[in-house]
Amino acid sequence: MSETLHPCLTCGACCHHYRVEFPVYELASMGGSVPDVLAHEVSGNRWRMNGTAARPVRCAALVGLCGQESICSIYEARPSACRAFEMGSERCGQARAAHGLPPLGLPWHGDLPLAA
């Protein structure tokens, strides 16, 4: 029996499509988990993942190619905006469509760990 990869491991469309902002307290230097080096200040208490401020978007934490093989290099430490993003949601479908990928056939019944 061959193991099926989690759909997000061959996608990355959301990491190539959306701005990722989060509160300053999510930075590692402030007691959170997001590495400071991967983000920049937007305003006093808002920070943004590097690479997501302008088009073309490519989050600095993404490793791999959109639609082929991709993984978040800080998956366990990712910001709340990424944690809240729902696989298979309308926003997921919009990001996938923008990159020429078909919508996901859900529900997903495989293993969910995405850690590298």
PDB file of N, CA and C in Angstrom:
ATOM      1  N   MET A   1       0.839  -1.171   0.000  1.00  0.00           N
ATOM      2  CA  MET A   1       0.000   0.000   0.000  1.00  0.00           C
ATOM      3  C   MET A   1       0.890   1.242   0.000  1.00  0.00           C
ATOM      4  N   SER A   2       0.717   2.127  -0.974  1.00  0.00           N
ATOM      5  CA  SER A   2       1.532   3.327  -1.035  1.00  0.00           C
ATOM      6  C   SER A   2       0.915   4.420  -0.171  1.00  0.00           C
ATOM      7  N   GLU A   3       1.790   5.211   0.445  1.00  0.00           N
ATOM      8  CA  GLU A   3       1.336   6.295   1.300  1.00  0.00           C
ATOM      9  C   GLU A   3       0.982   7.508   0.444  1.00  0.00           C
ATOM     10  N   THR A   4      -0.181   8.093   0.685  1.00  0.00           N
ATOM     11  CA  THR A   4      -0.624   9.272  -0.040  1.00  0.00           C
ATOM     12  C   THR A   4      -0.173  10.511   0.713  1.00  0.00           C
ATOM     13  N   LEU A   5       0.442  11.444   0.008  1.00  0.00           N
ATOM     14  CA  LEU A   5       0.881  12.679   0.630  1.00  0.00           C
ATOM     15  C   LEU A   5      -0.306  13.573   0.978  1.00  0.00           C
ATOM     16  N   HIS A   6      -0.183  14.257   2.085  1.00  0.00           N
ATOM     17  CA  HIS A   6      -1.180  15.246   2.465  1.00  0.00           C
ATOM     18  C   HIS A   6      -1.261  16.264   1.327  1.00  0.00           C
ATOM     19  N   PRO A   7      -2.448  16.692   0.922  1.00  0.00           N
ATOM     20  CA  PRO A   7      -2.595  17.617  -0.214  1.00  0.00           C
ATOM     21  C   PRO A   7      -1.780  18.903  -0.074  1.00  0.00           C
ATOM     22  N   CYS A   8      -1.595  19.394   1.126  1.00  0.00           N
ATOM     23  CA  CYS A   8      -0.845  20.637   1.309  1.00  0.00           C
ATOM     24  C   CYS A   8       0.642  20.465   0.989  1.00  0.00           C
ATOM     25  N   LEU A   9       1.123  19.230   1.019  1.00  0.00           N
ATOM     26  CA  LEU A   9       2.539  18.990   0.717  1.00  0.00           C
ATOM     27  C   LEU A   9       2.852  19.074  -0.773  1.00  0.00           C
ATOM     28  N   THR A  10       1.820  19.120  -1.577  1.00  0.00           N
ATOM     29  CA  THR A  10       2.034  19.264  -3.024  1.00  0.00           C
ATOM     30  C   THR A  10       1.332  20.511  -3.549  1.00  0.00           C
ATOM     31  N   CYS A  11       1.050  21.454  -2.676  1.00  0.00           N
ATOM     32  CA  CYS A  11       0.306  22.645  -3.083  1.00  0.00           C
ATOM     33  C   CYS A  11       1.112  23.909  -2.837  1.00  0.00           C
ATOM     34  N   GLY A  12       0.939  24.530  -1.699  1.00  0.00           N
ATOM     35  CA  GLY A  12       1.615  25.786  -1.389  1.00  0.00           C
ATOM     36  C   GLY A  12       0.960  27.010  -1.988  1.00  0.00           C
ATOM     37  N   ALA A  13      -0.216  26.843  -2.597  1.00  0.00           N
ATOM     38  CA  ALA A  13      -0.872  27.979  -3.256  1.00  0.00           C
ATOM     39  C   ALA A  13      -1.188  29.102  -2.275  1.00  0.00           C
ATOM     40  N   CYS A  14      -1.618  28.772  -1.072  1.00  0.00           N
ATOM     41  CA  CYS A  14      -1.937  29.823  -0.101  1.00  0.00           C
ATOM     42  C   CYS A  14      -0.680  30.621   0.255  1.00  0.00           C
ATOM     43  N   CYS A  15       0.456  29.952   0.319  1.00  0.00           N
ATOM     44  CA  CYS A  15       1.733  30.609   0.637  1.00  0.00           C
ATOM     45  C   CYS A  15       2.226  31.475  -0.517  1.00  0.00           C
ATOM     46  N   HIS A  16       1.645  31.273  -1.692  1.00  0.00           N
ATOM     47  CA  HIS A  16       1.977  32.061  -2.885  1.00  0.00           C
ATOM     48  C   HIS A  16       0.878  33.062  -3.227  1.00  0.00           C
ATOM     49  N   HIS A  17      -0.106  33.210  -2.367  1.00  0.00           N
ATOM     50  CA  HIS A  17      -1.259  34.014  -2.741  1.00  0.00           C
ATOM     51  C   HIS A  17      -1.680  35.063  -1.720  1.00  0.00           C
ATOM     52  N   TYR A  18      -1.574  34.752  -0.438  1.00  0.00           N
ATOM     53  CA  TYR A  18      -2.134  35.626   0.588  1.00  0.00           C
ATOM     54  C   TYR A  18      -1.084  36.339   1.428  1.00  0.00           C
ATOM     55  N   ARG A  19      -1.423  37.557   1.842  1.00  0.00           N
ATOM     56  CA  ARG A  19      -0.628  38.315   2.803  1.00  0.00           C
ATOM     57  C   ARG A  19      -0.823  37.642   4.154  1.00  0.00           C
ATOM     58  N   VAL A  20       0.260  37.532   4.910  1.00  0.00           N
ATOM     59  CA  VAL A  20       0.180  36.890   6.227  1.00  0.00           C
ATOM     60  C   VAL A  20       0.593  37.899   7.290  1.00  0.00           C
ATOM     61  N   GLU A  21      -0.394  38.407   8.020  1.00  0.00           N
ATOM     62  CA  GLU A  21      -0.144  39.349   9.109  1.00  0.00           C
ATOM     63  C   GLU A  21      -0.539  38.716  10.428  1.00  0.00           C
ATOM     64  N   PHE A  22       0.145  39.160  11.480  1.00  0.00           N
ATOM     65  CA  PHE A  22      -0.106  38.607  12.802  1.00  0.00           C
ATOM     66  C   PHE A  22       0.317  39.615  13.863  1.00  0.00           C
ATOM     67  N   PRO A  23      -0.157  39.455  15.099  1.00  0.00           N
ATOM     68  CA  PRO A  23       0.214  40.371  16.175  1.00  0.00           C
ATOM     69  C   PRO A  23       1.666  40.167  16.615  1.00  0.00           C
ATOM     70  N   VAL A  24       2.281  41.245  17.053  1.00  0.00           N
ATOM     71  CA  VAL A  24       3.689  41.234  17.440  1.00  0.00           C
ATOM     72  C   VAL A  24       3.999  40.160  18.488  1.00  0.00           C
ATOM     73  N   TYR A  25       3.050  39.863  19.360  1.00  0.00           N
ATOM     74  CA  TYR A  25       3.326  38.887  20.429  1.00  0.00           C
ATOM     75  C   TYR A  25       3.558  37.464  19.899  1.00  0.00           C
ATOM     76  N   GLU A  26       3.323  37.221  18.613  1.00  0.00           N
ATOM     77  CA  GLU A  26       3.599  35.900  18.054  1.00  0.00           C
ATOM     78  C   GLU A  26       5.070  35.732  17.647  1.00  0.00           C
ATOM     79  N   LEU A  27       5.845  36.819  17.689  1.00  0.00           N
ATOM     80  CA  LEU A  27       7.268  36.735  17.370  1.00  0.00           C
ATOM     81  C   LEU A  27       8.011  35.987  18.475  1.00  0.00           C
ATOM     82  N   ALA A  28       9.032  35.244  18.109  1.00  0.00           N
ATOM     83  CA  ALA A  28       9.818  34.493  19.084  1.00  0.00           C
ATOM     84  C   ALA A  28      10.416  35.419  20.144  1.00  0.00           C
ATOM     85  N   SER A  29      10.874  36.599  19.741  1.00  0.00           N
ATOM     86  CA  SER A  29      11.477  37.540  20.689  1.00  0.00           C
ATOM     87  C   SER A  29      10.477  38.089  21.701  1.00  0.00           C
ATOM     88  N   MET A  30       9.199  37.924  21.416  1.00  0.00           N
ATOM     89  CA  MET A  30       8.142  38.419  22.311  1.00  0.00           C
ATOM     90  C   MET A  30       7.461  37.271  23.058  1.00  0.00           C
ATOM     91  N   GLY A  31       8.044  36.073  22.980  1.00  0.00           N
ATOM     92  CA  GLY A  31       7.493  34.923  23.675  1.00  0.00           C
ATOM     93  C   GLY A  31       6.652  34.015  22.805  1.00  0.00           C
ATOM     94  N   GLY A  32       6.513  34.368  21.522  1.00  0.00           N
ATOM     95  CA  GLY A  32       5.750  33.538  20.585  1.00  0.00           C
ATOM     96  C   GLY A  32       6.647  32.528  19.896  1.00  0.00           C
ATOM     97  N   SER A  33       6.253  32.120  18.717  1.00  0.00           N
ATOM     98  CA  SER A  33       6.997  31.073  18.021  1.00  0.00           C
ATOM     99  C   SER A  33       7.539  31.464  16.649  1.00  0.00           C
ATOM    100  N   VAL A  34       7.025  32.532  16.048  1.00  0.00           N
ATOM    101  CA  VAL A  34       7.435  32.906  14.693  1.00  0.00           C
ATOM    102  C   VAL A  34       8.848  33.510  14.730  1.00  0.00           C
ATOM    103  N   PRO A  35       9.793  32.936  13.980  1.00  0.00           N
ATOM    104  CA  PRO A  35      11.148  33.496  13.962  1.00  0.00           C
ATOM    105  C   PRO A  35      11.140  34.949  13.473  1.00  0.00           C
ATOM    106  N   ASP A  36      11.723  35.841  14.269  1.00  0.00           N
ATOM    107  CA  ASP A  36      11.753  37.267  13.945  1.00  0.00           C
ATOM    108  C   ASP A  36      12.350  37.530  12.567  1.00  0.00           C
ATOM    109  N   VAL A  37      13.350  36.779  12.181  1.00  0.00           N
ATOM    110  CA  VAL A  37      14.061  37.007  10.922  1.00  0.00           C
ATOM    111  C   VAL A  37      13.175  36.794   9.694  1.00  0.00           C
ATOM    112  N   LEU A  38      12.057  36.099   9.854  1.00  0.00           N
ATOM    113  CA  LEU A  38      11.165  35.811   8.728  1.00  0.00           C
ATOM    114  C   LEU A  38      10.011  36.798   8.596  1.00  0.00           C
ATOM    115  N   ALA A  39      10.022  37.850   9.421  1.00  0.00           N
ATOM    116  CA  ALA A  39       8.907  38.795   9.400  1.00  0.00           C
ATOM    117  C   ALA A  39       9.407  40.226   9.513  1.00  0.00           C
ATOM    118  N   HIS A  40       8.514  41.148   9.206  1.00  0.00           N
ATOM    119  CA  HIS A  40       8.838  42.566   9.330  1.00  0.00           C
ATOM    120  C   HIS A  40       7.644  43.326   9.894  1.00  0.00           C
ATOM    121  N   GLU A  41       7.945  44.469  10.506  1.00  0.00           N
ATOM    122  CA  GLU A  41       6.909  45.279  11.138  1.00  0.00           C
ATOM    123  C   GLU A  41       6.068  46.001  10.090  1.00  0.00           C
ATOM    124  N   VAL A  42       4.762  45.977  10.290  1.00  0.00           N
ATOM    125  CA  VAL A  42       3.827  46.706   9.442  1.00  0.00           C
ATOM    126  C   VAL A  42       3.428  47.986  10.165  1.00  0.00           C
ATOM    127  N   SER A  43       3.058  47.848  11.425  1.00  0.00           N
ATOM    128  CA  SER A  43       2.763  48.967  12.313  1.00  0.00           C
ATOM    129  C   SER A  43       3.131  48.482  13.706  1.00  0.00           C
ATOM    130  N   GLY A  44       3.058  49.340  14.664  1.00  0.00           N
ATOM    131  CA  GLY A  44       3.514  49.010  16.011  1.00  0.00           C
ATOM    132  C   GLY A  44       3.256  47.611  16.517  1.00  0.00           C
ATOM    133  N   ASN A  45       2.048  47.126  16.348  1.00  0.00           N
ATOM    134  CA  ASN A  45       1.731  45.802  16.890  1.00  0.00           C
ATOM    135  C   ASN A  45       1.386  44.764  15.825  1.00  0.00           C
ATOM    136  N   ARG A  46       1.524  45.097  14.556  1.00  0.00           N
ATOM    137  CA  ARG A  46       1.238  44.157  13.463  1.00  0.00           C
ATOM    138  C   ARG A  46       2.524  43.852  12.715  1.00  0.00           C
ATOM    139  N   TRP A  47       2.745  42.574  12.444  1.00  0.00           N
ATOM    140  CA  TRP A  47       3.906  42.117  11.681  1.00  0.00           C
ATOM    141  C   TRP A  47       3.420  41.295  10.506  1.00  0.00           C
ATOM    142  N   ARG A  48       4.254  41.136   9.517  1.00  0.00           N
ATOM    143  CA  ARG A  48       3.892  40.420   8.293  1.00  0.00           C
ATOM    144  C   ARG A  48       5.039  39.488   7.914  1.00  0.00           C
ATOM    145  N   MET A  49       4.680  38.296   7.437  1.00  0.00           N
ATOM    146  CA  MET A  49       5.703  37.358   6.960  1.00  0.00           C
ATOM    147  C   MET A  49       6.391  37.959   5.740  1.00  0.00           C
ATOM    148  N   ASN A  50       7.711  37.880   5.721  1.00  0.00           N
ATOM    149  CA  ASN A  50       8.471  38.356   4.574  1.00  0.00           C
ATOM    150  C   ASN A  50       8.016  37.622   3.323  1.00  0.00           C
ATOM    151  N   GLY A  51       7.943  38.352   2.234  1.00  0.00           N
ATOM    152  CA  GLY A  51       7.542  37.775   0.955  1.00  0.00           C
ATOM    153  C   GLY A  51       6.054  37.818   0.686  1.00  0.00           C
ATOM    154  N   THR A  52       5.272  38.282   1.663  1.00  0.00           N
ATOM    155  CA  THR A  52       3.816  38.302   1.459  1.00  0.00           C
ATOM    156  C   THR A  52       3.248  39.715   1.347  1.00  0.00           C
ATOM    157  N   ALA A  53       4.093  40.726   1.251  1.00  0.00           N
ATOM    158  CA  ALA A  53       3.616  42.106   1.218  1.00  0.00           C
ATOM    159  C   ALA A  53       3.137  42.540  -0.162  1.00  0.00           C
ATOM    160  N   ALA A  54       3.740  42.029  -1.208  1.00  0.00           N
ATOM    161  CA  ALA A  54       3.411  42.476  -2.565  1.00  0.00           C
ATOM    162  C   ALA A  54       3.433  41.291  -3.519  1.00  0.00           C
ATOM    163  N   ARG A  55       2.780  41.465  -4.643  1.00  0.00           N
ATOM    164  CA  ARG A  55       2.760  40.422  -5.666  1.00  0.00           C
ATOM    165  C   ARG A  55       4.035  40.464  -6.489  1.00  0.00           C
ATOM    166  N   PRO A  56       4.601  39.391  -6.888  1.00  0.00           N
ATOM    167  CA  PRO A  56       4.139  38.028  -6.599  1.00  0.00           C
ATOM    168  C   PRO A  56       4.452  37.642  -5.150  1.00  0.00           C
ATOM    169  N   VAL A  57       3.490  36.990  -4.521  1.00  0.00           N
ATOM    170  CA  VAL A  57       3.624  36.548  -3.137  1.00  0.00           C
ATOM    171  C   VAL A  57       4.365  35.220  -3.092  1.00  0.00           C
ATOM    172  N   ARG A  58       5.278  35.114  -2.149  1.00  0.00           N
ATOM    173  CA  ARG A  58       5.918  33.845  -1.811  1.00  0.00           C
ATOM    174  C   ARG A  58       6.434  33.993  -0.385  1.00  0.00           C
ATOM    175  N   CYS A  59       5.748  33.344   0.539  1.00  0.00           N
ATOM    176  CA  CYS A  59       6.136  33.426   1.938  1.00  0.00           C
ATOM    177  C   CYS A  59       7.575  32.942   2.118  1.00  0.00           C
ATOM    178  N   ALA A  60       8.330  33.672   2.918  1.00  0.00           N
ATOM    179  CA  ALA A  60       9.736  33.338   3.159  1.00  0.00           C
ATOM    180  C   ALA A  60       9.907  31.990   3.852  1.00  0.00           C
ATOM    181  N   ALA A  61       8.872  31.488   4.503  1.00  0.00           N
ATOM    182  CA  ALA A  61       8.964  30.203   5.204  1.00  0.00           C
ATOM    183  C   ALA A  61       8.693  29.013   4.293  1.00  0.00           C
ATOM    184  N   LEU A  62       8.235  29.255   3.076  1.00  0.00           N
ATOM    185  CA  LEU A  62       7.891  28.162   2.165  1.00  0.00           C
ATOM    186  C   LEU A  62       9.141  27.569   1.521  1.00  0.00           C
ATOM    187  N   VAL A  63       9.196  26.259   1.504  1.00  0.00           N
ATOM    188  CA  VAL A  63      10.267  25.535   0.830  1.00  0.00           C
ATOM    189  C   VAL A  63       9.610  24.715  -0.271  1.00  0.00           C
ATOM    190  N   GLY A  64      10.132  24.787  -1.486  1.00  0.00           N
ATOM    191  CA  GLY A  64       9.596  23.999  -2.588  1.00  0.00           C
ATOM    192  C   GLY A  64       8.882  24.855  -3.608  1.00  0.00           C
ATOM    193  N   LEU A  65       8.189  24.194  -4.507  1.00  0.00           N
ATOM    194  CA  LEU A  65       7.523  24.851  -5.619  1.00  0.00           C
ATOM    195  C   LEU A  65       6.019  24.697  -5.537  1.00  0.00           C
ATOM    196  N   CYS A  66       5.310  25.750  -5.869  1.00  0.00           N
ATOM    197  CA  CYS A  66       3.856  25.743  -5.846  1.00  0.00           C
ATOM    198  C   CYS A  66       3.315  24.684  -6.805  1.00  0.00           C
ATOM    199  N   GLY A  67       2.438  23.842  -6.296  1.00  0.00           N
ATOM    200  CA  GLY A  67       1.797  22.833  -7.112  1.00  0.00           C
ATOM    201  C   GLY A  67       2.617  21.576  -7.344  1.00  0.00           C
ATOM    202  N   GLN A  68       3.833  21.533  -6.828  1.00  0.00           N
ATOM    203  CA  GLN A  68       4.670  20.355  -7.026  1.00  0.00           C
ATOM    204  C   GLN A  68       5.052  19.717  -5.699  1.00  0.00           C
ATOM    205  N   GLU A  69       5.867  20.391  -4.964  1.00  0.00           N
ATOM    206  CA  GLU A  69       6.271  19.912  -3.646  1.00  0.00           C
ATOM    207  C   GLU A  69       6.515  21.147  -2.804  1.00  0.00           C
ATOM    208  N   SER A  70       5.836  21.260  -1.713  1.00  0.00           N
ATOM    209  CA  SER A  70       6.001  22.440  -0.871  1.00  0.00           C
ATOM    210  C   SER A  70       5.757  22.078   0.584  1.00  0.00           C
ATOM    211  N   ILE A  71       6.447  22.795   1.449  1.00  0.00           N
ATOM    212  CA  ILE A  71       6.258  22.588   2.882  1.00  0.00           C
ATOM    213  C   ILE A  71       6.645  23.868   3.612  1.00  0.00           C
ATOM    214  N   CYS A  72       5.969  24.126   4.686  1.00  0.00           N
ATOM    215  CA  CYS A  72       6.281  25.280   5.518  1.00  0.00           C
ATOM    216  C   CYS A  72       7.466  24.909   6.406  1.00  0.00           C
ATOM    217  N   SER A  73       8.542  25.676   6.301  1.00  0.00           N
ATOM    218  CA  SER A  73       9.740  25.377   7.086  1.00  0.00           C
ATOM    219  C   SER A  73       9.559  25.671   8.571  1.00  0.00           C
ATOM    220  N   ILE A  74       8.500  26.398   8.926  1.00  0.00           N
ATOM    221  CA  ILE A  74       8.232  26.702  10.339  1.00  0.00           C
ATOM    222  C   ILE A  74       6.837  26.217  10.732  1.00  0.00           C
ATOM    223  N   TYR A  75       6.394  25.127  10.153  1.00  0.00           N
ATOM    224  CA  TYR A  75       5.018  24.671  10.340  1.00  0.00           C
ATOM    225  C   TYR A  75       4.581  24.691  11.804  1.00  0.00           C
ATOM    226  N   GLU A  76       5.363  24.134  12.698  1.00  0.00           N
ATOM    227  CA  GLU A  76       4.991  24.083  14.115  1.00  0.00           C
ATOM    228  C   GLU A  76       5.042  25.465  14.760  1.00  0.00           C
ATOM    229  N   ALA A  77       5.757  26.414  14.147  1.00  0.00           N
ATOM    230  CA  ALA A  77       5.914  27.760  14.697  1.00  0.00           C
ATOM    231  C   ALA A  77       5.173  28.805  13.865  1.00  0.00           C
ATOM    232  N   ARG A  78       4.341  28.384  12.920  1.00  0.00           N
ATOM    233  CA  ARG A  78       3.674  29.316  12.004  1.00  0.00           C
ATOM    234  C   ARG A  78       2.734  30.260  12.748  1.00  0.00           C
ATOM    235  N   PRO A  79       2.477  31.431  12.146  1.00  0.00           N
ATOM    236  CA  PRO A  79       1.596  32.405  12.788  1.00  0.00           C
ATOM    237  C   PRO A  79       0.131  31.960  12.823  1.00  0.00           C
ATOM    238  N   SER A  80      -0.641  32.640  13.642  1.00  0.00           N
ATOM    239  CA  SER A  80      -2.052  32.299  13.817  1.00  0.00           C
ATOM    240  C   SER A  80      -2.843  32.391  12.513  1.00  0.00           C
ATOM    241  N   ALA A  81      -2.494  33.334  11.641  1.00  0.00           N
ATOM    242  CA  ALA A  81      -3.207  33.455  10.361  1.00  0.00           C
ATOM    243  C   ALA A  81      -3.074  32.168   9.553  1.00  0.00           C
ATOM    244  N   CYS A  82      -1.911  31.567   9.602  1.00  0.00           N
ATOM    245  CA  CYS A  82      -1.698  30.304   8.875  1.00  0.00           C
ATOM    246  C   CYS A  82      -2.398  29.142   9.583  1.00  0.00           C
ATOM    247  N   ARG A  83      -2.371  29.152  10.885  1.00  0.00           N
ATOM    248  CA  ARG A  83      -3.047  28.094  11.651  1.00  0.00           C
ATOM    249  C   ARG A  83      -4.550  28.111  11.404  1.00  0.00           C
ATOM    250  N   ALA A  84      -5.104  29.301  11.195  1.00  0.00           N
ATOM    251  CA  ALA A  84      -6.546  29.445  10.999  1.00  0.00           C
ATOM    252  C   ALA A  84      -6.982  29.152   9.562  1.00  0.00           C
ATOM    253  N   PHE A  85      -6.042  29.118   8.631  1.00  0.00           N
ATOM    254  CA  PHE A  85      -6.385  28.888   7.232  1.00  0.00           C
ATOM    255  C   PHE A  85      -6.885  27.456   7.058  1.00  0.00           C
ATOM    256  N   GLU A  86      -8.056  27.298   6.457  1.00  0.00           N
ATOM    257  CA  GLU A  86      -8.664  25.979   6.337  1.00  0.00           C
ATOM    258  C   GLU A  86      -8.413  25.342   4.978  1.00  0.00           C
ATOM    259  N   MET A  87      -7.799  24.183   5.006  1.00  0.00           N
ATOM    260  CA  MET A  87      -7.593  23.402   3.795  1.00  0.00           C
ATOM    261  C   MET A  87      -8.949  23.084   3.184  1.00  0.00           C
ATOM    262  N   GLY A  88      -9.095  23.318   1.902  1.00  0.00           N
ATOM    263  CA  GLY A  88     -10.333  23.005   1.208  1.00  0.00           C
ATOM    264  C   GLY A  88     -11.392  24.086   1.306  1.00  0.00           C
ATOM    265  N   SER A  89     -11.085  25.174   2.014  1.00  0.00           N
ATOM    266  CA  SER A  89     -12.052  26.266   2.156  1.00  0.00           C
ATOM    267  C   SER A  89     -12.182  27.033   0.838  1.00  0.00           C
ATOM    268  N   GLU A  90     -13.108  27.972   0.799  1.00  0.00           N
ATOM    269  CA  GLU A  90     -13.275  28.799  -0.397  1.00  0.00           C
ATOM    270  C   GLU A  90     -11.994  29.566  -0.702  1.00  0.00           C
ATOM    271  N   ARG A  91     -11.343  30.096   0.333  1.00  0.00           N
ATOM    272  CA  ARG A  91     -10.086  30.830   0.136  1.00  0.00           C
ATOM    273  C   ARG A  91      -8.988  29.901  -0.384  1.00  0.00           C
ATOM    274  N   CYS A  92      -8.964  28.673   0.075  1.00  0.00           N
ATOM    275  CA  CYS A  92      -8.018  27.671  -0.428  1.00  0.00           C
ATOM    276  C   CYS A  92      -8.272  27.451  -1.916  1.00  0.00           C
ATOM    277  N   GLY A  93      -9.521  27.268  -2.274  1.00  0.00           N
ATOM    278  CA  GLY A  93      -9.884  27.058  -3.673  1.00  0.00           C
ATOM    279  C   GLY A  93      -9.514  28.235  -4.551  1.00  0.00           C
ATOM    280  N   GLN A  94      -9.687  29.463  -4.033  1.00  0.00           N
ATOM    281  CA  GLN A  94      -9.326  30.659  -4.789  1.00  0.00           C
ATOM    282  C   GLN A  94      -7.819  30.715  -5.030  1.00  0.00           C
ATOM    283  N   ALA A  95      -7.044  30.409  -4.011  1.00  0.00           N
ATOM    284  CA  ALA A  95      -5.588  30.416  -4.159  1.00  0.00           C
ATOM    285  C   ALA A  95      -5.148  29.338  -5.141  1.00  0.00           C
ATOM    286  N   ARG A  96      -5.729  28.152  -5.024  1.00  0.00           N
ATOM    287  CA  ARG A  96      -5.366  27.068  -5.941  1.00  0.00           C
ATOM    288  C   ARG A  96      -5.729  27.438  -7.381  1.00  0.00           C
ATOM    289  N   ALA A  97      -6.910  28.011  -7.588  1.00  0.00           N
ATOM    290  CA  ALA A  97      -7.335  28.401  -8.934  1.00  0.00           C
ATOM    291  C   ALA A  97      -6.399  29.455  -9.518  1.00  0.00           C
ATOM    292  N   ALA A  98      -5.953  30.385  -8.689  1.00  0.00           N
ATOM    293  CA  ALA A  98      -5.045  31.440  -9.152  1.00  0.00           C
ATOM    294  C   ALA A  98      -3.716  30.881  -9.637  1.00  0.00           C
ATOM    295  N   HIS A  99      -3.389  29.672  -9.199  1.00  0.00           N
ATOM    296  CA  HIS A  99      -2.136  29.036  -9.597  1.00  0.00           C
ATOM    297  C   HIS A  99      -2.365  27.834 -10.509  1.00  0.00           C
ATOM    298  N   GLY A 100      -3.561  27.770 -11.081  1.00  0.00           N
ATOM    299  CA  GLY A 100      -3.864  26.726 -12.050  1.00  0.00           C
ATOM    300  C   GLY A 100      -4.055  25.341 -11.463  1.00  0.00           C
ATOM    301  N   LEU A 101      -4.376  25.271 -10.182  1.00  0.00           N
ATOM    302  CA  LEU A 101      -4.576  23.981  -9.519  1.00  0.00           C
ATOM    303  C   LEU A 101      -6.067  23.732  -9.315  1.00  0.00           C
ATOM    304  N   PRO A 102      -6.502  22.496  -9.444  1.00  0.00           N
ATOM    305  CA  PRO A 102      -7.925  22.187  -9.234  1.00  0.00           C
ATOM    306  C   PRO A 102      -8.282  22.249  -7.752  1.00  0.00           C
ATOM    307  N   PRO A 103      -9.571  22.397  -7.443  1.00  0.00           N
ATOM    308  CA  PRO A 103      -9.977  22.384  -6.034  1.00  0.00           C
ATOM    309  C   PRO A 103      -9.669  21.022  -5.416  1.00  0.00           C
ATOM    310  N   LEU A 104      -9.522  21.027  -4.105  1.00  0.00           N
ATOM    311  CA  LEU A 104      -9.251  19.769  -3.403  1.00  0.00           C
ATOM    312  C   LEU A 104     -10.516  18.950  -3.298  1.00  0.00           C
ATOM    313  N   GLY A 105     -10.388  17.659  -3.458  1.00  0.00           N
ATOM    314  CA  GLY A 105     -11.502  16.759  -3.206  1.00  0.00           C
ATOM    315  C   GLY A 105     -11.477  16.409  -1.737  1.00  0.00           C
ATOM    316  N   LEU A 106     -12.411  16.920  -0.990  1.00  0.00           N
ATOM    317  CA  LEU A 106     -12.431  16.674   0.449  1.00  0.00           C
ATOM    318  C   LEU A 106     -13.598  15.787   0.803  1.00  0.00           C
ATOM    319  N   PRO A 107     -13.656  15.141   1.912  1.00  0.00           N
ATOM    320  CA  PRO A 107     -12.738  15.322   3.013  1.00  0.00           C
ATOM    321  C   PRO A 107     -11.447  14.522   2.838  1.00  0.00           C
ATOM    322  N   TRP A 108     -10.408  14.987   3.504  1.00  0.00           N
ATOM    323  CA  TRP A 108      -9.117  14.303   3.520  1.00  0.00           C
ATOM    324  C   TRP A 108      -9.131  13.312   4.663  1.00  0.00           C
ATOM    325  N   HIS A 109      -8.783  12.063   4.392  1.00  0.00           N
ATOM    326  CA  HIS A 109      -8.814  11.030   5.430  1.00  0.00           C
ATOM    327  C   HIS A 109      -7.448  10.472   5.761  1.00  0.00           C
ATOM    328  N   GLY A 110      -6.402  11.110   5.281  1.00  0.00           N
ATOM    329  CA  GLY A 110      -5.046  10.633   5.560  1.00  0.00           C
ATOM    330  C   GLY A 110      -4.486  11.251   6.821  1.00  0.00           C
ATOM    331  N   ASP A 111      -3.203  10.997   7.055  1.00  0.00           N
ATOM    332  CA  ASP A 111      -2.524  11.595   8.191  1.00  0.00           C
ATOM    333  C   ASP A 111      -2.391  13.090   7.979  1.00  0.00           C
ATOM    334  N   LEU A 112      -2.464  13.849   9.066  1.00  0.00           N
ATOM    335  CA  LEU A 112      -2.400  15.300   8.955  1.00  0.00           C
ATOM    336  C   LEU A 112      -1.061  15.926   9.306  1.00  0.00           C
ATOM    337  N   PRO A 113      -0.103  15.248   9.926  1.00  0.00           N
ATOM    338  CA  PRO A 113       1.144  15.930  10.266  1.00  0.00           C
ATOM    339  C   PRO A 113       1.839  16.461   9.017  1.00  0.00           C
ATOM    340  N   LEU A 114       2.265  17.708   9.086  1.00  0.00           N
ATOM    341  CA  LEU A 114       2.952  18.328   7.959  1.00  0.00           C
ATOM    342  C   LEU A 114       4.382  18.702   8.301  1.00  0.00           C
ATOM    343  N   ALA A 115       4.830  18.387   9.492  1.00  0.00           N
ATOM    344  CA  ALA A 115       6.176  18.776   9.896  1.00  0.00           C
ATOM    345  C   ALA A 115       7.206  18.157   8.979  1.00  0.00           C
ATOM    346  N   ALA A 116       8.238  18.927   8.701  1.00  0.00           N
ATOM    347  CA  ALA A 116       9.310  18.482   7.805  1.00  0.00           C
ATOM    348  C   ALA A 116      10.156  17.415   8.460  1.00  0.00           C
TER     349      ALA A 116
END
